[in-house]
């Protein structure tokens, strides 16, 4: 599809980065369905795959690797100590396989175990941040992006000095479970193409 780049520039430059409006109101702005910028953000043909699954039986205990897990609607992953309310934004955490490698390189840890990063699901082959404001499938479960998953002080304990900063920008995302189902290693991760197109994207 050929895009009108002049309109794209209008979309991206209509608000000055240092303006009060930009700092206070851009999160609530909506892009029209025909906006070239929105079309670019909605173009996501790539599909990822689940590389690793971990659950935390108890708070602060090491994650246990599992081949498959049941995602429970509006709660969390079966067997994981966290079981949120229906409105909780952190029912599942996901991180990119490619970012695990980046963190390992920064910290000079050749064989970094994903469990040390304390995320539930490691995904390869799709940019998780491109799922912002979207619903997406992980195996048989339908999830909804709720935010970025920022590092905590545990990264300093698990990875060594500088671990917190190494994970900054690479911490993955949080998600809510809209429809439960089984998630297995090697399952496909893909955007849900049936969701309405009138949600805010910016």
Foldseek 3Di string as FASTA:
>chain_A
DDDDVVLVCCVVPVDDCPDPCNVPPPVPDADDPPRPVLVVLPDFPKKKFWAWFWAAQDPPDFTDTDQKWKADALFATPNHPGGDHNPDQARFFEFEPVLQVQLCVVLVPPDDDVRLLVGGIYMYTGDLVSQAQFWKDAAPWIKHFDFADAGDCSLCVSRHPCRNVSCVVGSGTGIHTRGMDMHGGGTMMGTDPPDDPGTGDD
